[in-house]
Amino acid sequence: MRRVVITGAGTVNALARDLPGTLAAMAEGRTGIGPLELADVERLSVQIGAQVTGWEPEALFDRTKLSLYDRFTQFALVAAVEAMAQAGLAAVPGDPVRWGCVMGTAGGGNGTVNDAFRAVFAEGKNRVHPFTVPRLMNNAAASHITMAWGLMGPAFSVATACASSNHAIGLAFQMIRAGMADGMLAGGSEAMLTFGGLKAWEGLRVMSPEGCHPFSLGRTGMVQGEGAAVFVLEEYEAARARGAEILAEIRGFAMTSDAGDIVMPSVDGAARAMRGALADAGIAPGEVGYINAHGTGTAANDRTEAAAIRAVFGEAPPPVSSTKAMHGHCIGATGAIEMIACLLALRDGVLAPTLGFQAPDPDCPLDVVPNAARKADVPVAMSNAFAFGGLNAVLVLSRG
């Protein structure tokens, strides 16, 4: 089977609107969580989030095309431009039929849905925007990326809640490895910070009104974010032949289903996904130097994930951090944005910290790199994503 490498990365999130800014923020331990700016925010019981503030799409996109782009599509397109530029590609090399795109998203055009419902029910209008359907559909970001770059190969979107982008990247990896494609753009995008979207999440009673404290005693829940991350994945020999800089190699991927509860996570399901990714990569647990945890800051997730990590890695697992206290829980985009922390560990030897850590939780006996980044030699990193619905996706990466 063919080797698969990452040659480009791009992102938009609450920490920064590009990769260098995001890497710097993660290394410095900054947070993008703050007061939300949106209509009717005063009616929300949770009024904080990791929002991309000051976003001006009119300055980024042609006016005629912008009418087709929901916010989540805008994020994805900007991230894809940066990823292709870093990969040194003005166009895909070779046959465009051999290049495709897989993007993860949970909510798709949530802003478009919110605006349409507001127009019909709150404002009494009888019509919505004529492009409401093409704006809100989950595959919009993937489709517009294919149009922007002329990608004529496999292209689709993945919706597995909070594991969506890990599934997307993993499936793109598998297609290149198996010979179905030579290159793929893959990642995730989400823009669920709307009044309707946040009201729905409030109903679950998992949102924190004051901050995100993953794995910490006294944590009060998750904080939602938004943004996108897109990666250029290529077959190794082709990337090397054209002189591309290799950011990392994707070594293994596994996905499992808990087949249990729609919202409560499973130790067994998470552990099977981690073991499966290691087996796929041919890597022993002791070779992993860093785990970017799902680490939502909820009691159920953190304790379940900690138990699963120890089940796989034993009594002395590698350092683990959750970067959600920085960029928020970006739902379908979260795994893609968190993979940037894996690149930081592999390339720069810097472990992004778990911010907001207050005191150890005896039910989470992990080295969580509390509150400040740490230098470390990391040859192999793991990225975890565990979703509502019991759907789990884990990636294993190594230095390029």
Protein backbone atom coordinates (compact mmCIF):
# COMPACT_ATOMS: atom_id res chain seq x y z
CA MET A 1 0.00 0.00 0.00
CA ARG A 2 1.14 3.53 -0.76
CA ARG A 3 2.40 5.99 1.85
CA VAL A 4 0.39 9.17 2.41
CA VAL A 5 1.82 12.50 3.52
CA ILE A 6 0.53 15.96 4.39
CA THR A 7 2.10 18.69 2.26
CA GLY A 8 -0.17 21.64 3.02
CA ALA A 9 -2.34 22.93 5.85
CA GLY A 10 -4.67 25.88 6.23
CA THR A 11 -7.06 27.05 8.89
CA VAL A 12 -9.51 29.68 10.09
CA ASN A 13 -10.45 29.58 13.76
CA ALA A 14 -10.86 31.77 16.82
CA LEU A 15 -7.11 31.74 17.50
CA ALA A 16 -6.05 32.97 14.05
CA ARG A 17 -7.05 33.01 10.43
CA ASP A 18 -4.01 31.12 9.25
CA LEU A 19 -1.71 28.26 10.16
CA PRO A 20 1.28 30.24 11.51
CA GLY A 21 -0.95 32.28 13.81
CA THR A 22 -2.69 29.16 15.08
CA LEU A 23 0.58 27.36 15.75
CA ALA A 24 1.90 30.40 17.63
CA ALA A 25 -1.26 30.70 19.73
CA MET A 26 -1.14 27.01 20.62
CA ALA A 27 2.52 27.23 21.60
CA GLU A 28 1.90 30.35 23.67
CA GLY A 29 -1.21 28.95 25.33
CA ARG A 30 -3.63 31.66 24.23
CA THR A 31 -7.38 31.22 24.13
CA GLY A 32 -9.90 32.41 21.58
CA ILE A 33 -12.87 31.98 23.92
CA GLY A 34 -14.73 35.17 24.77
CA PRO A 35 -18.13 36.89 24.75
CA LEU A 36 -20.29 35.99 21.76
CA GLU A 37 -21.37 38.62 19.25
CA LEU A 38 -24.63 37.57 17.59
CA ALA A 39 -28.29 38.49 17.36
CA ASP A 40 -30.36 37.76 20.50
CA VAL A 41 -27.28 36.75 22.50
CA GLU A 42 -28.99 38.15 25.59
CA ARG A 43 -31.55 35.33 25.33
CA LEU A 44 -28.86 32.68 25.66
CA SER A 45 -27.91 31.24 29.02
CA VAL A 46 -24.44 30.51 27.62
CA GLN A 47 -22.99 33.67 26.12
CA ILE A 48 -19.36 32.67 25.50
CA GLY A 49 -17.74 30.85 22.60
CA ALA A 50 -14.64 30.65 20.43
CA GLN A 51 -15.92 32.89 17.64
CA VAL A 52 -14.11 34.05 14.51
CA THR A 53 -14.62 37.77 15.10
CA GLY A 54 -14.43 40.58 12.56
CA TRP A 55 -15.04 38.21 9.65
CA GLU A 56 -15.67 40.28 6.50
CA PRO A 57 -16.54 37.93 3.64
CA GLU A 58 -17.14 40.82 1.23
CA ALA A 59 -13.40 41.49 1.30
CA LEU A 60 -12.55 37.85 0.58
CA PHE A 61 -15.00 36.70 -2.08
CA ASP A 62 -16.54 37.90 -5.30
CA ARG A 63 -19.99 39.32 -4.58
CA THR A 64 -21.75 37.07 -7.10
CA LYS A 65 -20.18 33.93 -5.62
CA LEU A 66 -20.67 35.02 -2.03
CA SER A 67 -24.43 34.63 -2.39
CA LEU A 68 -23.77 30.87 -2.61
CA TYR A 69 -21.50 30.61 0.44
CA ASP A 70 -22.68 29.95 3.96
CA ARG A 71 -20.17 30.91 6.64
CA PHE A 72 -18.95 27.31 6.99
CA THR A 73 -18.19 27.22 3.25
CA GLN A 74 -16.35 30.52 3.47
CA PHE A 75 -14.12 29.19 6.23
CA ALA A 76 -13.38 26.05 4.22
CA LEU A 77 -12.50 27.91 1.03
CA VAL A 78 -10.09 30.26 2.81
CA ALA A 79 -8.41 27.34 4.62
CA ALA A 80 -8.08 25.43 1.32
CA VAL A 81 -6.35 28.37 -0.35
CA GLU A 82 -3.76 28.48 2.42
CA ALA A 83 -3.27 24.70 2.33
CA MET A 84 -2.68 24.67 -1.43
CA ALA A 85 -0.29 27.60 -1.19
CA GLN A 86 1.76 25.88 1.49
CA ALA A 87 1.83 22.74 -0.62
CA GLY A 88 3.30 24.85 -3.43
CA LEU A 89 0.40 24.14 -5.73
CA ALA A 90 -1.25 26.69 -8.00
CA ALA A 91 -3.18 23.76 -9.48
CA VAL A 92 -3.30 20.04 -8.80
CA PRO A 93 -0.38 18.14 -10.33
CA GLY A 94 -1.21 15.51 -12.90
CA ASP A 95 -4.69 14.32 -13.80
CA PRO A 96 -7.43 16.24 -11.90
CA VAL A 97 -9.57 13.09 -12.05
CA ARG A 98 -7.06 11.62 -9.58
CA TRP A 99 -7.64 14.40 -7.04
CA GLY A 100 -10.67 14.87 -4.80
CA CYS A 101 -11.99 16.32 -1.57
CA VAL A 102 -13.56 15.00 1.63
CA MET A 103 -14.82 17.49 4.20
CA GLY A 104 -16.41 16.88 7.58
CA THR A 105 -19.20 18.96 9.05
CA ALA A 106 -21.94 18.27 11.57
CA GLY A 107 -24.26 21.21 10.94
CA GLY A 108 -23.47 22.25 7.38
CA GLY A 109 -24.98 25.64 6.56
CA ASN A 110 -26.32 26.24 10.06
CA GLY A 111 -26.23 30.01 9.62
CA THR A 112 -28.36 29.75 6.49
CA VAL A 113 -30.85 27.53 8.32
CA ASN A 114 -30.97 29.96 11.24
CA ASP A 115 -31.55 32.95 8.93
CA ALA A 116 -34.26 31.16 6.96
CA PHE A 117 -36.19 30.17 10.08
CA ARG A 118 -35.83 33.70 11.46
CA ALA A 119 -37.15 35.18 8.22
CA VAL A 120 -40.18 32.86 8.06
CA PHE A 121 -41.15 32.54 11.71
CA ALA A 122 -39.85 35.66 13.44
CA GLU A 123 -40.16 38.21 10.64
CA GLY A 124 -43.26 36.78 8.98
CA LYS A 125 -41.75 36.60 5.50
CA ASN A 126 -43.13 34.15 2.95
CA ARG A 127 -39.92 33.70 0.98
CA VAL A 128 -36.35 32.80 1.81
CA HIS A 129 -33.15 33.38 -0.16
CA PRO A 130 -33.32 31.51 -3.50
CA PHE A 131 -30.00 29.79 -2.76
CA THR A 132 -31.03 28.57 0.68
CA VAL A 133 -30.78 24.88 -0.24
CA PRO A 134 -27.36 24.99 -1.97
CA ARG A 135 -26.04 27.12 0.90
CA LEU A 136 -27.23 24.88 3.73
CA MET A 137 -26.43 21.44 2.28
CA ASN A 138 -23.66 19.60 4.11
CA ASN A 139 -21.66 18.97 0.95
CA ALA A 140 -21.50 22.66 0.00
CA ALA A 141 -17.97 23.21 1.34
CA ALA A 142 -16.60 20.10 -0.35
CA SER A 143 -18.34 20.96 -3.62
CA HIS A 144 -17.07 24.54 -3.71
CA ILE A 145 -13.52 23.39 -2.96
CA THR A 146 -13.70 21.02 -5.94
CA MET A 147 -14.90 23.88 -8.14
CA ALA A 148 -12.21 26.26 -6.89
CA TRP A 149 -9.40 23.80 -7.64
CA GLY A 150 -10.80 21.68 -10.46
CA LEU A 151 -10.84 18.46 -8.43
CA MET A 152 -12.65 15.84 -10.50
CA GLY A 153 -12.06 12.72 -8.40
CA PRO A 154 -13.87 11.41 -5.31
CA ALA A 155 -15.60 14.22 -3.42
CA PHE A 156 -18.16 14.16 -0.64
CA SER A 157 -18.92 15.31 2.89
CA VAL A 158 -18.94 13.33 6.12
CA ALA A 159 -21.35 14.03 8.97
CA THR A 160 -20.49 12.09 12.13
CA ALA A 161 -21.02 14.87 14.66
CA CYS A 162 -17.80 15.68 16.53
CA ALA A 163 -15.76 13.02 14.68
CA SER A 164 -16.66 14.31 11.21
CA SER A 165 -13.31 15.77 10.19
CA ASN A 166 -11.26 12.86 11.55
CA HIS A 167 -13.45 10.56 9.50
CA ALA A 168 -12.98 12.82 6.47
CA ILE A 169 -9.20 12.89 6.76
CA GLY A 170 -9.07 9.16 7.45
CA LEU A 171 -11.19 8.28 4.44
CA ALA A 172 -9.09 10.55 2.19
CA PHE A 173 -5.97 8.83 3.55
CA GLN A 174 -7.41 5.40 2.81
CA MET A 175 -8.35 6.35 -0.76
CA ILE A 176 -4.82 7.55 -1.57
CA ARG A 177 -3.21 4.58 0.18
CA ALA A 178 -5.42 2.16 -1.79
CA GLY A 179 -4.69 3.83 -5.13
CA MET A 180 -8.14 5.34 -5.68
CA ALA A 181 -6.65 8.85 -5.76
CA ASP A 182 -3.24 10.52 -5.95
CA GLY A 183 -4.14 13.50 -3.79
CA MET A 184 -6.99 14.84 -1.71
CA LEU A 185 -7.99 18.01 0.09
CA ALA A 186 -9.49 16.92 3.39
CA GLY A 187 -10.53 18.45 6.69
CA GLY A 188 -13.59 19.96 8.30
CA SER A 189 -15.56 23.16 8.64
CA GLU A 190 -18.25 24.31 11.04
CA ALA A 191 -20.13 27.53 11.78
CA MET A 192 -22.73 26.60 14.38
CA LEU A 193 -22.44 29.72 16.54
CA THR A 194 -25.94 30.96 15.78
CA PHE A 195 -28.82 31.67 18.12
CA GLY A 196 -30.72 28.57 17.01
CA GLY A 197 -27.67 26.34 17.06
CA LEU A 198 -26.64 27.42 20.55
CA LYS A 199 -30.20 27.10 21.88
CA ALA A 200 -30.21 23.51 20.69
CA TRP A 201 -26.92 22.81 22.46
CA GLU A 202 -28.15 24.50 25.63
CA GLY A 203 -30.91 21.91 25.75
CA LEU A 204 -28.32 19.16 26.20
CA ARG A 205 -27.03 20.82 29.40
CA VAL A 206 -23.39 20.18 28.47
CA MET A 207 -22.38 23.80 27.81
CA SER A 208 -20.28 25.78 30.27
CA PRO A 209 -21.30 29.39 30.95
CA GLU A 210 -17.85 30.35 32.22
CA GLY A 211 -15.06 28.42 30.47
CA CYS A 212 -13.59 25.15 29.30
CA HIS A 213 -11.46 23.10 31.74
CA PRO A 214 -10.72 19.69 30.15
CA PHE A 215 -9.74 16.87 32.51
CA SER A 216 -9.81 19.28 35.48
CA LEU A 217 -11.64 18.76 38.72
CA GLY A 218 -14.53 21.22 38.87
CA ARG A 219 -14.98 21.49 35.10
CA THR A 220 -18.40 22.77 34.05
CA GLY A 221 -18.79 21.61 30.45
CA MET A 222 -17.80 22.40 26.89
CA VAL A 223 -17.48 25.72 25.08
CA GLN A 224 -18.41 25.78 21.43
CA GLY A 225 -16.20 27.19 18.69
CA GLU A 226 -16.21 27.56 14.92
CA GLY A 227 -13.76 27.45 12.04
CA ALA A 228 -12.13 25.14 9.54
CA ALA A 229 -8.91 23.31 8.77
CA VAL A 230 -8.00 21.79 5.41
CA PHE A 231 -5.00 19.62 4.55
CA VAL A 232 -3.39 18.60 1.27
CA LEU A 233 -2.79 14.84 1.31
CA GLU A 234 -0.55 13.28 -1.34
CA GLU A 235 1.04 9.99 -2.22
CA TYR A 236 4.54 10.05 -0.75
CA GLU A 237 6.64 9.30 -3.84
CA ALA A 238 4.80 11.86 -5.96
CA ALA A 239 5.15 14.53 -3.28
CA ARG A 240 8.85 13.82 -2.92
CA ALA A 241 9.36 13.82 -6.70
CA ARG A 242 7.98 17.34 -7.02
CA GLY A 243 10.07 18.56 -4.07
CA ALA A 244 7.17 19.24 -1.73
CA GLU A 245 7.82 19.92 1.94
CA ILE A 246 6.35 17.05 3.94
CA LEU A 247 4.66 18.28 7.12
CA ALA A 248 3.85 14.82 8.47
CA GLU A 249 2.99 11.31 7.37
CA ILE A 250 -0.38 9.76 8.15
CA ARG A 251 0.43 6.27 9.34
CA GLY A 252 -2.84 4.79 10.53
CA PHE A 253 -6.57 5.30 10.90
CA ALA A 254 -9.40 3.43 12.57
CA MET A 255 -13.07 4.03 13.18
CA THR A 256 -15.44 2.24 15.51
CA SER A 257 -19.01 2.39 16.71
CA ASP A 258 -20.01 2.05 20.35
CA ALA A 259 -23.41 0.64 19.35
CA GLY A 260 -24.57 1.78 22.77
CA ASP A 261 -25.97 5.16 23.78
CA ILE A 262 -26.74 8.15 21.55
CA VAL A 263 -24.92 10.62 23.84
CA MET A 264 -22.96 8.70 26.50
CA PRO A 265 -19.44 7.67 25.42
CA SER A 266 -17.95 4.20 25.75
CA VAL A 267 -14.53 3.21 27.09
CA ASP A 268 -14.52 0.13 24.88
CA GLY A 269 -15.44 1.97 21.68
CA ALA A 270 -12.77 4.63 22.20
CA ALA A 271 -10.12 2.07 23.14
CA ARG A 272 -10.90 -0.09 20.10
CA ALA A 273 -10.47 2.94 17.83
CA MET A 274 -7.08 3.79 19.35
CA ARG A 275 -5.88 0.19 19.18
CA GLY A 276 -7.13 -0.09 15.62
CA ALA A 277 -5.29 3.04 14.48
CA LEU A 278 -2.05 1.81 16.05
CA ALA A 279 -2.45 -1.60 14.44
CA ASP A 280 -3.18 0.01 11.06
CA ALA A 281 -0.01 2.07 11.43
CA GLY A 282 2.08 -0.86 12.62
CA ILE A 283 3.10 1.21 15.64
CA ALA A 284 3.37 0.05 19.25
CA PRO A 285 1.72 2.14 22.00
CA GLY A 286 5.14 2.95 23.49
CA GLU A 287 6.18 4.77 20.31
CA VAL A 288 3.47 7.44 20.68
CA GLY A 289 4.85 10.63 22.19
CA TYR A 290 1.70 12.77 22.29
CA ILE A 291 -2.07 12.36 22.19
CA ASN A 292 -4.36 15.20 21.21
CA ALA A 293 -7.42 14.17 23.18
CA HIS A 294 -11.05 14.72 22.33
CA GLY A 295 -11.18 16.30 25.80
CA THR A 296 -14.44 18.24 25.71
CA GLY A 297 -14.47 19.38 29.33
CA THR A 298 -17.60 17.40 30.19
CA ALA A 299 -17.51 14.94 33.06
CA ALA A 300 -18.64 11.99 30.97
CA ASN A 301 -16.26 12.46 28.04
CA ASP A 302 -13.13 13.25 30.00
CA ARG A 303 -13.41 10.34 32.42
CA THR A 304 -14.34 7.88 29.67
CA GLU A 305 -11.48 9.02 27.43
CA ALA A 306 -8.96 8.92 30.29
CA ALA A 307 -10.00 5.33 31.07
CA ALA A 308 -9.75 4.37 27.39
CA ILE A 309 -6.28 5.89 27.05
CA ARG A 310 -5.04 3.99 30.08
CA ALA A 311 -6.62 0.80 28.76
CA VAL A 312 -4.56 1.16 25.58
CA PHE A 313 -1.35 2.71 26.89
CA GLY A 314 -1.16 1.29 30.41
CA GLU A 315 -0.26 2.99 33.66
CA ALA A 316 2.14 5.49 32.07
CA PRO A 317 0.50 6.86 28.92
CA PRO A 318 2.20 9.61 26.88
CA PRO A 319 1.41 13.29 27.51
CA VAL A 320 -2.17 14.18 26.58
CA SER A 321 -3.68 17.58 25.95
CA SER A 322 -7.01 19.00 24.88
CA THR A 323 -6.77 22.21 22.86
CA LYS A 324 -10.52 22.84 23.06
CA ALA A 325 -9.91 25.32 25.88
CA MET A 326 -8.16 27.43 23.21
CA HIS A 327 -10.23 27.16 20.01
CA GLY A 328 -13.43 25.76 21.51
CA HIS A 329 -15.25 22.61 20.51
CA CYS A 330 -15.60 23.16 16.77
CA ILE A 331 -17.90 20.12 16.40
CA GLY A 332 -17.45 18.74 12.87
CA ALA A 333 -14.26 20.75 12.31
CA THR A 334 -12.71 20.04 15.67
CA GLY A 335 -10.52 17.06 14.74
CA ALA A 336 -9.06 18.92 11.77
CA ILE A 337 -8.18 21.99 13.82
CA GLU A 338 -6.75 19.77 16.54
CA MET A 339 -4.53 17.97 14.03
CA ILE A 340 -2.62 21.26 13.85
CA ALA A 341 -1.55 20.60 17.45
CA CYS A 342 -0.19 17.24 16.30
CA LEU A 343 1.85 19.02 13.60
CA LEU A 344 3.16 21.39 16.28
CA ALA A 345 4.29 18.43 18.38
CA LEU A 346 5.84 16.49 15.50
CA ARG A 347 7.59 19.35 13.72
CA ASP A 348 8.45 21.81 16.49
CA GLY A 349 8.62 19.50 19.48
CA VAL A 350 6.04 21.60 21.33
CA LEU A 351 3.11 20.08 23.20
CA ALA A 352 0.15 22.44 23.20
CA PRO A 353 -1.21 22.84 26.76
CA THR A 354 -4.54 22.00 28.31
CA LEU A 355 -5.64 25.48 29.36
CA GLY A 356 -8.01 26.13 32.25
CA PHE A 357 -6.68 23.24 34.30
CA GLN A 358 -7.47 23.91 37.96
CA ALA A 359 -6.90 20.69 39.90
CA PRO A 360 -6.32 17.00 39.10
CA ASP A 361 -9.38 14.81 38.79
CA PRO A 362 -8.62 11.37 40.28
CA ASP A 363 -10.85 9.89 37.56
CA CYS A 364 -8.58 11.38 34.88
CA PRO A 365 -5.09 10.17 35.86
CA LEU A 366 -3.23 11.60 32.86
CA ASP A 367 -0.35 13.97 32.22
CA VAL A 368 -2.45 16.68 30.57
CA VAL A 369 0.30 19.29 30.00
CA PRO A 370 -1.54 21.74 32.28
CA ASN A 371 -1.76 25.44 31.35
CA ALA A 372 1.66 25.87 29.69
CA ALA A 373 3.23 24.34 26.59
CA ARG A 374 6.07 21.87 26.98
CA LYS A 375 9.04 20.90 24.83
CA ALA A 376 9.25 17.22 23.92
CA ASP A 377 10.64 14.91 21.27
CA VAL A 378 7.57 13.45 19.52
CA PRO A 379 8.16 10.93 16.74
CA VAL A 380 4.51 9.78 16.65
CA ALA A 381 1.28 11.58 17.58
CA MET A 382 -2.32 10.44 17.89
CA SER A 383 -5.49 12.47 17.33
CA ASN A 384 -8.72 11.31 19.00
CA ALA A 385 -12.28 12.19 18.01
CA PHE A 386 -15.30 10.63 19.74
CA ALA A 387 -18.77 11.72 18.70
CA PHE A 388 -22.37 11.69 19.86
CA GLY A 389 -23.94 8.61 18.37
CA GLY A 390 -20.98 6.55 19.54
CA LEU A 391 -18.90 7.13 16.40
CA ASN A 392 -15.14 7.21 16.94
CA ALA A 393 -12.27 8.11 14.61
CA VAL A 394 -8.56 8.07 15.48
CA LEU A 395 -5.57 9.10 13.36
CA VAL A 396 -1.89 8.29 13.92
CA LEU A 397 0.77 10.55 12.42
CA SER A 398 4.56 10.56 12.36
CA ARG A 399 7.24 13.00 11.31
CA GLY A 400 7.54 13.41 7.56
